[in-house]
PDB file of N, CA and C in Angstrom:
ATOM      1  N   UNK A   1     113.150  98.740 121.760  1.00  0.00           N
ATOM      2  CA  UNK A   1     112.154  97.598 121.903  1.00  0.00           C
ATOM      3  C   UNK A   1     110.699  98.156 122.726  1.00  0.00           C
ATOM      4  N   UNK A   2     111.293  99.248 123.533  1.00  0.00           N
ATOM      5  CA  UNK A   2     110.086  99.803 124.308  1.00  0.00           C
ATOM      6  C   UNK A   2     109.027 100.464 123.498  1.00  0.00           C
ATOM      7  N   UNK A   3     109.784 100.987 122.262  1.00  0.00           N
ATOM      8  CA  UNK A   3     108.914 101.764 121.570  1.00  0.00           C
ATOM      9  C   UNK A   3     107.924 100.594 120.497  1.00  0.00           C
ATOM     10  N   UNK A   4     108.780  99.381 120.605  1.00  0.00           N
ATOM     11  CA  UNK A   4     107.741  98.508 119.696  1.00  0.00           C
ATOM     12  C   UNK A   4     106.649  97.770 120.530  1.00  0.00           C
ATOM     13  N   UNK A   5     106.703  97.593 121.787  1.00  0.00           N
ATOM     14  CA  UNK A   5     105.763  97.444 122.826  1.00  0.00           C
ATOM     15  C   UNK A   5     104.656  98.287 122.717  1.00  0.00           C
ATOM     16  N   UNK A   6     104.944  99.358 122.750  1.00  0.00           N
ATOM     17  CA  UNK A   6     103.885 100.470 123.073  1.00  0.00           C
ATOM     18  C   UNK A   6     103.137 100.758 121.451  1.00  0.00           C
ATOM     19  N   UNK A   7     103.512 100.101 120.358  1.00  0.00           N
ATOM     20  CA  UNK A   7     102.627 100.147 119.384  1.00  0.00           C
ATOM     21  C   UNK A   7     101.748  98.871 119.160  1.00  0.00           C
ATOM     22  N   UNK A   8     100.300  99.011 118.628  1.00  0.00           N
ATOM     23  CA  UNK A   8      99.481  98.098 118.238  1.00  0.00           C
ATOM     24  C   UNK A   8      99.278  98.189 116.686  1.00  0.00           C
ATOM     25  N   UNK A   9      99.028  96.906 116.503  1.00  0.00           N
ATOM     26  CA  UNK A   9      98.708  96.824 115.016  1.00  0.00           C
ATOM     27  C   UNK A   9      96.967  96.632 114.965  1.00  0.00           C
ATOM     28  N   UNK A  10      96.014  97.649 114.198  1.00  0.00           N
ATOM     29  CA  UNK A  10      94.892  97.355 114.406  1.00  0.00           C
ATOM     30  C   UNK A  10      94.432  97.551 112.954  1.00  0.00           C
ATOM     31  N   UNK A  11      93.156  96.905 112.795  1.00  0.00           N
ATOM     32  CA  UNK A  11      92.621  97.072 111.511  1.00  0.00           C
ATOM     33  C   UNK A  11      91.412  98.260 111.568  1.00  0.00           C
ATOM     34  N   UNK A  12      91.297  99.470 110.811  1.00  0.00           N
ATOM     35  CA  UNK A  12      90.155 100.145 110.725  1.00  0.00           C
ATOM     36  C   UNK A  12      89.466 100.062 109.503  1.00  0.00           C
ATOM     37  N   UNK A  13      88.029  99.611 109.823  1.00  0.00           N
ATOM     38  CA  UNK A  13      86.924  99.649 108.383  1.00  0.00           C
ATOM     39  C   UNK A  13      86.779 101.252 108.432  1.00  0.00           C
ATOM     40  N   UNK A  14      87.262 101.584 107.065  1.00  0.00           N
ATOM     41  CA  UNK A  14      86.778 103.214 106.791  1.00  0.00           C
ATOM     42  C   UNK A  14      85.903 103.239 105.226  1.00  0.00           C
ATOM     43  N   UNK A  15      84.810 103.623 105.267  1.00  0.00           N
ATOM     44  CA  UNK A  15      83.713 103.182 104.322  1.00  0.00           C
ATOM     45  C   UNK A  15      83.921 101.756 103.758  1.00  0.00           C
ATOM     46  N   UNK A  16      84.335 101.646 102.632  1.00  0.00           N
ATOM     47  CA  UNK A  16      84.642 100.257 102.292  1.00  0.00           C
ATOM     48  C   UNK A  16      85.793  99.612 102.300  1.00  0.00           C
ATOM     49  N   UNK A  17      86.490 100.213 102.912  1.00  0.00           N
ATOM     50  CA  UNK A  17      88.021  99.730 102.724  1.00  0.00           C
ATOM     51  C   UNK A  17      88.671  99.204 104.353  1.00  0.00           C
ATOM     52  N   UNK A  18      89.151  97.939 104.843  1.00  0.00           N
ATOM     53  CA  UNK A  18      89.896  97.897 105.984  1.00  0.00           C
ATOM     54  C   UNK A  18      91.173  98.467 105.667  1.00  0.00           C
ATOM     55  N   UNK A  19      91.813  99.164 106.669  1.00  0.00           N
ATOM     56  CA  UNK A  19      93.081  99.581 106.469  1.00  0.00           C
ATOM     57  C   UNK A  19      93.796  99.395 107.719  1.00  0.00           C
ATOM     58  N   UNK A  20      94.806  98.534 107.908  1.00  0.00           N
ATOM     59  CA  UNK A  20      95.800  98.207 108.713  1.00  0.00           C
ATOM     60  C   UNK A  20      96.706  99.480 109.086  1.00  0.00           C
ATOM     61  N   UNK A  21      96.702  99.711 110.502  1.00  0.00           N
ATOM     62  CA  UNK A  21      97.304 101.027 111.122  1.00  0.00           C
ATOM     63  C   UNK A  21      97.970 100.267 112.342  1.00  0.00           C
ATOM     64  N   UNK A  22      99.387 101.095 112.410  1.00  0.00           N
ATOM     65  CA  UNK A  22     100.114 100.809 113.653  1.00  0.00           C
ATOM     66  C   UNK A  22      99.978 102.376 114.415  1.00  0.00           C
ATOM     67  N   UNK A  23      99.459 101.896 116.025  1.00  0.00           N
ATOM     68  CA  UNK A  23      99.305 103.128 116.587  1.00  0.00           C
ATOM     69  C   UNK A  23      99.782 103.017 117.899  1.00  0.00           C
ATOM     70  N   UNK A  24      99.948 104.164 118.453  1.00  0.00           N
ATOM     71  CA  UNK A  24     100.354 103.766 120.014  1.00  0.00           C
ATOM     72  C   UNK A  24      99.247 103.354 120.689  1.00  0.00           C
ATOM     73  N   UNK A  25      99.371 102.466 121.789  1.00  0.00           N
ATOM     74  CA  UNK A  25      98.708 102.004 122.523  1.00  0.00           C
ATOM     75  C   UNK A  25      97.514 102.939 123.091  1.00  0.00           C
ATOM     76  N   UNK A  26      98.017 104.139 123.395  1.00  0.00           N
ATOM     77  CA  UNK A  26      97.040 104.973 124.059  1.00  0.00           C
ATOM     78  C   UNK A  26      96.463 105.744 123.400  1.00  0.00           C
ATOM     79  N   UNK A  27      96.365 105.821 121.923  1.00  0.00           N
ATOM     80  CA  UNK A  27      95.969 106.513 120.775  1.00  0.00           C
ATOM     81  C   UNK A  27      94.783 105.594 120.219  1.00  0.00           C
ATOM     82  N   UNK A  28      94.995 104.210 120.429  1.00  0.00           N
ATOM     83  CA  UNK A  28      93.945 103.281 119.667  1.00  0.00           C
ATOM     84  C   UNK A  28      92.315 104.053 119.696  1.00  0.00           C
ATOM     85  N   UNK A  29      91.889 104.157 120.878  1.00  0.00           N
ATOM     86  CA  UNK A  29      90.310 104.798 121.034  1.00  0.00           C
ATOM     87  C   UNK A  29      90.779 105.835 119.946  1.00  0.00           C
ATOM     88  N   UNK A  30      91.517 107.088 119.928  1.00  0.00           N
ATOM     89  CA  UNK A  30      91.204 108.095 119.171  1.00  0.00           C
ATOM     90  C   UNK A  30      90.998 107.937 117.611  1.00  0.00           C
ATOM     91  N   UNK A  31      92.177 106.769 117.484  1.00  0.00           N
ATOM     92  CA  UNK A  31      91.997 106.327 115.783  1.00  0.00           C
ATOM     93  C   UNK A  31      90.520 105.449 115.349  1.00  0.00           C
ATOM     94  N   UNK A  32      90.148 104.759 116.493  1.00  0.00           N
ATOM     95  CA  UNK A  32      88.794 104.012 116.194  1.00  0.00           C
ATOM     96  C   UNK A  32      87.517 105.071 116.448  1.00  0.00           C
ATOM     97  N   UNK A  33      87.687 106.073 117.088  1.00  0.00           N
ATOM     98  CA  UNK A  33      86.657 107.305 116.903  1.00  0.00           C
ATOM     99  C   UNK A  33      86.808 107.911 115.473  1.00  0.00           C
ATOM    100  N   UNK A  34      87.974 108.179 115.069  1.00  0.00           N
ATOM    101  CA  UNK A  34      88.225 109.071 114.151  1.00  0.00           C
ATOM    102  C   UNK A  34      87.720 108.249 112.828  1.00  0.00           C
ATOM    103  N   UNK A  35      87.877 106.694 112.726  1.00  0.00           N
ATOM    104  CA  UNK A  35      87.028 105.957 111.724  1.00  0.00           C
ATOM    105  C   UNK A  35      85.737 106.006 111.724  1.00  0.00           C
ATOM    106  N   UNK A  36      85.005 106.019 113.108  1.00  0.00           N
ATOM    107  CA  UNK A  36      83.653 106.229 113.276  1.00  0.00           C
ATOM    108  C   UNK A  36      82.965 107.378 112.550  1.00  0.00           C
ATOM    109  N   UNK A  37      83.803 108.438 112.720  1.00  0.00           N
ATOM    110  CA  UNK A  37      83.277 109.712 112.483  1.00  0.00           C
ATOM    111  C   UNK A  37      83.494 109.998 110.541  1.00  0.00           C
ATOM    112  N   UNK A  38      84.568 109.277 110.170  1.00  0.00           N
ATOM    113  CA  UNK A  38      84.307 109.129 109.036  1.00  0.00           C
ATOM    114  C   UNK A  38      83.387 108.440 108.157  1.00  0.00           C
ATOM    115  N   UNK A  39      83.140 107.298 108.763  1.00  0.00           N
ATOM    116  CA  UNK A  39      82.216 106.273 108.473  1.00  0.00           C
ATOM    117  C   UNK A  39      80.836 107.228 108.259  1.00  0.00           C
ATOM    118  N   UNK A  40      80.411 107.766 109.252  1.00  0.00           N
ATOM    119  CA  UNK A  40      79.341 108.356 109.439  1.00  0.00           C
ATOM    120  C   UNK A  40      79.189 109.650 108.770  1.00  0.00           C
ATOM    121  N   UNK A  41      80.287 110.321 108.453  1.00  0.00           N
ATOM    122  CA  UNK A  41      79.879 111.452 107.605  1.00  0.00           C
ATOM    123  C   UNK A  41      80.063 111.049 106.191  1.00  0.00           C
ATOM    124  N   UNK A  42      80.821 109.948 105.730  1.00  0.00           N
ATOM    125  CA  UNK A  42      80.699 109.580 104.431  1.00  0.00           C
ATOM    126  C   UNK A  42      79.307 108.810 104.048  1.00  0.00           C
ATOM    127  N   UNK A  43      78.701 108.254 104.954  1.00  0.00           N
ATOM    128  CA  UNK A  43      77.341 107.639 104.903  1.00  0.00           C
ATOM    129  C   UNK A  43      76.612 108.909 104.751  1.00  0.00           C
ATOM    130  N   UNK A  44      76.687 109.773 105.638  1.00  0.00           N
ATOM    131  CA  UNK A  44      75.418 110.878 105.228  1.00  0.00           C
ATOM    132  C   UNK A  44      75.404 111.459 103.831  1.00  0.00           C
ATOM    133  N   UNK A  45      76.642 111.781 103.815  1.00  0.00           N
ATOM    134  CA  UNK A  45      76.585 112.092 102.244  1.00  0.00           C
ATOM    135  C   UNK A  45      76.146 111.198 101.013  1.00  0.00           C
ATOM    136  N   UNK A  46      76.695 109.931 101.307  1.00  0.00           N
ATOM    137  CA  UNK A  46      76.320 108.662 100.456  1.00  0.00           C
ATOM    138  C   UNK A  46      74.839 108.536 100.272  1.00  0.00           C
ATOM    139  N   UNK A  47      74.136 108.619 101.434  1.00  0.00           N
ATOM    140  CA  UNK A  47      72.756 108.551 101.549  1.00  0.00           C
ATOM    141  C   UNK A  47      72.000 109.816 100.572  1.00  0.00           C
ATOM    142  N   UNK A  48      72.419 110.895 100.640  1.00  0.00           N
ATOM    143  CA  UNK A  48      72.043 112.102  99.853  1.00  0.00           C
ATOM    144  C   UNK A  48      72.597 112.245  98.283  1.00  0.00           C
ATOM    145  N   UNK A  49      73.547 111.753  98.052  1.00  0.00           N
ATOM    146  CA  UNK A  49      74.102 111.783  96.898  1.00  0.00           C
ATOM    147  C   UNK A  49      74.626 110.731  95.977  1.00  0.00           C
ATOM    148  N   UNK A  50      74.311 109.412  96.829  1.00  0.00           N
ATOM    149  CA  UNK A  50      74.889 108.366  96.042  1.00  0.00           C
ATOM    150  C   UNK A  50      73.690 108.325  94.498  1.00  0.00           C
ATOM    151  N   UNK A  51      74.373 107.793  93.414  1.00  0.00           N
ATOM    152  CA  UNK A  51      73.809 108.073  92.073  1.00  0.00           C
ATOM    153  C   UNK A  51      73.843 109.352  91.708  1.00  0.00           C
ATOM    154  N   UNK A  52      74.446 110.275  92.419  1.00  0.00           N
ATOM    155  CA  UNK A  52      74.092 111.593  91.589  1.00  0.00           C
ATOM    156  C   UNK A  52      75.898 112.049  91.639  1.00  0.00           C
ATOM    157  N   UNK A  53      76.634 111.745  92.452  1.00  0.00           N
ATOM    158  CA  UNK A  53      78.152 112.027  92.574  1.00  0.00           C
ATOM    159  C   UNK A  53      78.645 111.032  92.524  1.00  0.00           C
ATOM    160  N   UNK A  54      79.994 111.233  91.984  1.00  0.00           N
ATOM    161  CA  UNK A  54      80.950 109.649  92.161  1.00  0.00           C
ATOM    162  C   UNK A  54      81.316 109.431  93.503  1.00  0.00           C
ATOM    163  N   UNK A  55      81.739 108.341  94.160  1.00  0.00           N
ATOM    164  CA  UNK A  55      82.185 107.851  95.201  1.00  0.00           C
ATOM    165  C   UNK A  55      83.102 108.894  95.430  1.00  0.00           C
ATOM    166  N   UNK A  56      84.274 109.300  94.722  1.00  0.00           N
ATOM    167  CA  UNK A  56      85.263 110.183  94.865  1.00  0.00           C
ATOM    168  C   UNK A  56      84.770 111.529  95.355  1.00  0.00           C
ATOM    169  N   UNK A  57      83.765 111.826  94.835  1.00  0.00           N
ATOM    170  CA  UNK A  57      83.211 113.253  95.340  1.00  0.00           C
ATOM    171  C   UNK A  57      82.437 113.210  96.430  1.00  0.00           C
ATOM    172  N   UNK A  58      81.928 112.023  96.596  1.00  0.00           N
ATOM    173  CA  UNK A  58      81.349 111.945  98.030  1.00  0.00           C
ATOM    174  C   UNK A  58      82.428 111.953  99.307  1.00  0.00           C
ATOM    175  N   UNK A  59      83.530 111.037  98.874  1.00  0.00           N
ATOM    176  CA  UNK A  59      84.694 111.240  99.854  1.00  0.00           C
ATOM    177  C   UNK A  59      85.174 112.744  99.735  1.00  0.00           C
ATOM    178  N   UNK A  60      85.351 113.384  98.824  1.00  0.00           N
ATOM    179  CA  UNK A  60      86.102 114.660  99.269  1.00  0.00           C
ATOM    180  C   UNK A  60      84.856 115.619  99.835  1.00  0.00           C
ATOM    181  N   UNK A  61      83.470 115.510  99.844  1.00  0.00           N
ATOM    182  CA  UNK A  61      82.660 116.324 100.597  1.00  0.00           C
ATOM    183  C   UNK A  61      82.656 115.877 101.964  1.00  0.00           C
ATOM    184  N   UNK A  62      83.042 114.695 102.373  1.00  0.00           N
ATOM    185  CA  UNK A  62      83.264 114.355 103.650  1.00  0.00           C
ATOM    186  C   UNK A  62      84.267 114.624 104.247  1.00  0.00           C
ATOM    187  N   UNK A  63      85.430 114.685 103.428  1.00  0.00           N
ATOM    188  CA  UNK A  63      86.776 115.029 103.935  1.00  0.00           C
ATOM    189  C   UNK A  63      86.773 116.798 103.954  1.00  0.00           C
ATOM    190  N   UNK A  64      85.985 117.517 103.401  1.00  0.00           N
ATOM    191  CA  UNK A  64      85.923 118.884 103.671  1.00  0.00           C
ATOM    192  C   UNK A  64      84.918 119.226 104.884  1.00  0.00           C
ATOM    193  N   UNK A  65      83.916 118.485 105.129  1.00  0.00           N
ATOM    194  CA  UNK A  65      82.924 118.367 106.290  1.00  0.00           C
ATOM    195  C   UNK A  65      83.850 118.386 107.553  1.00  0.00           C
ATOM    196  N   UNK A  66      84.495 117.153 107.335  1.00  0.00           N
ATOM    197  CA  UNK A  66      85.450 117.153 108.798  1.00  0.00           C
ATOM    198  C   UNK A  66      86.613 118.245 108.731  1.00  0.00           C
ATOM    199  N   UNK A  67      87.216 118.467 107.848  1.00  0.00           N
ATOM    200  CA  UNK A  67      88.284 119.472 108.069  1.00  0.00           C
ATOM    201  C   UNK A  67      87.432 120.864 108.523  1.00  0.00           C
ATOM    202  N   UNK A  68      86.027 121.357 108.017  1.00  0.00           N
ATOM    203  CA  UNK A  68      85.605 122.183 108.226  1.00  0.00           C
ATOM    204  C   UNK A  68      85.595 122.281 109.876  1.00  0.00           C
ATOM    205  N   UNK A  69      84.810 121.131 110.179  1.00  0.00           N
ATOM    206  CA  UNK A  69      84.875 121.158 111.798  1.00  0.00           C
ATOM    207  C   UNK A  69      85.812 121.206 112.495  1.00  0.00           C
ATOM    208  N   UNK A  70      86.997 120.586 112.124  1.00  0.00           N
ATOM    209  CA  UNK A  70      88.370 121.019 112.985  1.00  0.00           C
ATOM    210  C   UNK A  70      88.695 122.505 112.820  1.00  0.00           C
ATOM    211  N   UNK A  71      88.598 123.178 111.589  1.00  0.00           N
ATOM    212  CA  UNK A  71      89.022 124.399 111.598  1.00  0.00           C
ATOM    213  C   UNK A  71      88.324 125.162 112.520  1.00  0.00           C
ATOM    214  N   UNK A  72      86.863 124.978 112.425  1.00  0.00           N
ATOM    215  CA  UNK A  72      86.114 125.778 113.378  1.00  0.00           C
ATOM    216  C   UNK A  72      86.472 125.437 114.892  1.00  0.00           C
ATOM    217  N   UNK A  73      86.688 124.117 115.201  1.00  0.00           N
ATOM    218  CA  UNK A  73      87.035 123.958 116.786  1.00  0.00           C
ATOM    219  C   UNK A  73      88.300 124.607 116.969  1.00  0.00           C
ATOM    220  N   UNK A  74      89.177 124.693 116.018  1.00  0.00           N
ATOM    221  CA  UNK A  74      90.534 125.057 116.743  1.00  0.00           C
ATOM    222  C   UNK A  74      90.422 126.884 117.047  1.00  0.00           C
ATOM    223  N   UNK A  75      89.431 127.371 116.382  1.00  0.00           N
ATOM    224  CA  UNK A  75      89.356 128.718 116.959  1.00  0.00           C
ATOM    225  C   UNK A  75      88.620 128.939 118.199  1.00  0.00           C
ATOM    226  N   UNK A  76      88.029 128.009 118.622  1.00  0.00           N
ATOM    227  CA  UNK A  76      87.085 127.943 119.914  1.00  0.00           C
ATOM    228  C   UNK A  76      88.250 127.472 120.758  1.00  0.00           C
ATOM    229  N   UNK A  77      89.318 127.323 120.643  1.00  0.00           N
ATOM    230  CA  UNK A  77      90.451 126.664 121.993  1.00  0.00           C
ATOM    231  C   UNK A  77      91.462 127.849 121.424  1.00  0.00           C
ATOM    232  N   UNK A  78      91.380 128.816 120.805  1.00  0.00           N
ATOM    233  CA  UNK A  78      92.559 130.041 120.964  1.00  0.00           C
ATOM    234  C   UNK A  78      92.658 130.759 121.902  1.00  0.00           C
ATOM    235  N   UNK A  79      93.565 130.570 122.730  1.00  0.00           N
ATOM    236  CA  UNK A  79      93.927 131.119 123.957  1.00  0.00           C
ATOM    237  C   UNK A  79      94.516 132.404 123.751  1.00  0.00           C
ATOM    238  N   UNK A  80      94.791 132.686 122.743  1.00  0.00           N
ATOM    239  CA  UNK A  80      95.703 133.786 122.649  1.00  0.00           C
ATOM    240  C   UNK A  80      95.363 135.300 122.952  1.00  0.00           C
ATOM    241  N   UNK A  81      93.860 135.513 122.785  1.00  0.00           N
ATOM    242  CA  UNK A  81      93.068 136.980 123.405  1.00  0.00           C
ATOM    243  C   UNK A  81      93.145 136.798 125.223  1.00  0.00           C
ATOM    244  N   UNK A  82      92.970 135.654 125.836  1.00  0.00           N
ATOM    245  CA  UNK A  82      93.115 135.417 127.240  1.00  0.00           C
ATOM    246  C   UNK A  82      94.524 135.849 127.491  1.00  0.00           C
ATOM    247  N   UNK A  83      95.505 135.078 127.026  1.00  0.00           N
ATOM    248  CA  UNK A  83      96.996 135.280 127.265  1.00  0.00           C
ATOM    249  C   UNK A  83      97.442 136.563 127.184  1.00  0.00           C
ATOM    250  N   UNK A  84      97.042 137.542 126.199  1.00  0.00           N
ATOM    251  CA  UNK A  84      97.026 138.827 126.169  1.00  0.00           C
ATOM    252  C   UNK A  84      96.555 139.591 127.285  1.00  0.00           C
ATOM    253  N   UNK A  85      95.422 139.340 127.750  1.00  0.00           N
ATOM    254  CA  UNK A  85      94.803 140.045 128.703  1.00  0.00           C
ATOM    255  C   UNK A  85      95.415 139.785 129.961  1.00  0.00           C
ATOM    256  N   UNK A  86      95.695 138.457 130.188  1.00  0.00           N
ATOM    257  CA  UNK A  86      96.596 138.046 131.605  1.00  0.00           C
ATOM    258  C   UNK A  86      97.738 138.642 131.620  1.00  0.00           C
ATOM    259  N   UNK A  87      98.345 138.929 130.311  1.00  0.00           N
ATOM    260  CA  UNK A  87      99.856 139.316 130.492  1.00  0.00           C
ATOM    261  C   UNK A  87      99.712 140.903 130.844  1.00  0.00           C
ATOM    262  N   UNK A  88      98.746 141.705 130.358  1.00  0.00           N
ATOM    263  CA  UNK A  88      98.376 143.049 130.633  1.00  0.00           C
ATOM    264  C   UNK A  88      98.206 143.187 132.143  1.00  0.00           C
ATOM    265  N   UNK A  89      97.366 142.505 132.569  1.00  0.00           N
ATOM    266  CA  UNK A  89      96.940 142.515 133.957  1.00  0.00           C
ATOM    267  C   UNK A  89      97.948 142.090 134.709  1.00  0.00           C
ATOM    268  N   UNK A  90      98.766 141.074 134.548  1.00  0.00           N
ATOM    269  CA  UNK A  90     100.067 140.830 135.416  1.00  0.00           C
ATOM    270  C   UNK A  90     100.860 141.985 135.321  1.00  0.00           C
ATOM    271  N   UNK A  91     101.236 142.736 134.042  1.00  0.00           N
ATOM    272  CA  UNK A  91     101.994 143.642 134.176  1.00  0.00           C
ATOM    273  C   UNK A  91     101.695 144.735 135.015  1.00  0.00           C
ATOM    274  N   UNK A  92     100.189 145.045 134.988  1.00  0.00           N
ATOM    275  CA  UNK A  92      99.816 146.337 135.784  1.00  0.00           C
ATOM    276  C   UNK A  92      99.694 146.045 137.129  1.00  0.00           C
ATOM    277  N   UNK A  93      99.580 144.888 137.668  1.00  0.00           N
ATOM    278  CA  UNK A  93      99.845 144.546 139.213  1.00  0.00           C
ATOM    279  C   UNK A  93     101.210 144.356 139.518  1.00  0.00           C
ATOM    280  N   UNK A  94     102.180 144.122 138.725  1.00  0.00           N
ATOM    281  CA  UNK A  94     103.732 144.248 139.089  1.00  0.00           C
ATOM    282  C   UNK A  94     103.875 145.595 139.183  1.00  0.00           C
ATOM    283  N   UNK A  95     103.429 146.472 138.187  1.00  0.00           N
ATOM    284  CA  UNK A  95     103.643 147.737 138.456  1.00  0.00           C
ATOM    285  C   UNK A  95     102.907 148.262 139.881  1.00  0.00           C
ATOM    286  N   UNK A  96     102.092 148.041 140.213  1.00  0.00           N
ATOM    287  CA  UNK A  96     101.278 148.720 140.965  1.00  0.00           C
ATOM    288  C   UNK A  96     101.966 147.885 142.544  1.00  0.00           C
ATOM    289  N   UNK A  97     102.462 147.082 142.688  1.00  0.00           N
ATOM    290  CA  UNK A  97     103.284 146.667 143.411  1.00  0.00           C
ATOM    291  C   UNK A  97     104.689 147.074 143.629  1.00  0.00           C
ATOM    292  N   UNK A  98     104.984 147.462 142.586  1.00  0.00           N
ATOM    293  CA  UNK A  98     106.436 148.081 142.886  1.00  0.00           C
ATOM    294  C   UNK A  98     106.219 149.556 143.406  1.00  0.00           C
ATOM    295  N   UNK A  99     105.205 150.215 143.042  1.00  0.00           N
ATOM    296  CA  UNK A  99     105.030 151.615 143.477  1.00  0.00           C
ATOM    297  C   UNK A  99     105.123 151.648 144.972  1.00  0.00           C
TER     298      UNK A  99
END
């Protein structure tokens, strides 16, 4: 029952379609922002390619654009190089303190 209460039924307008979605209340903002990003990206490509490319191709171009942004952002959040350096420094400090 508690899980039911934390869910929210919303409708997202994505490009030319209304999509009903059940979301966690604390994630509603992110779903709505994602829909805005999709709409803005599709509209950008549609303004350039409408009449030259099919709607399906325009949607695929928008998906690739958004996925590329996501993949690039993941590399900015990679902390493994810092973790490695901190691990080495911690090890050196521990070795120095034990001497």
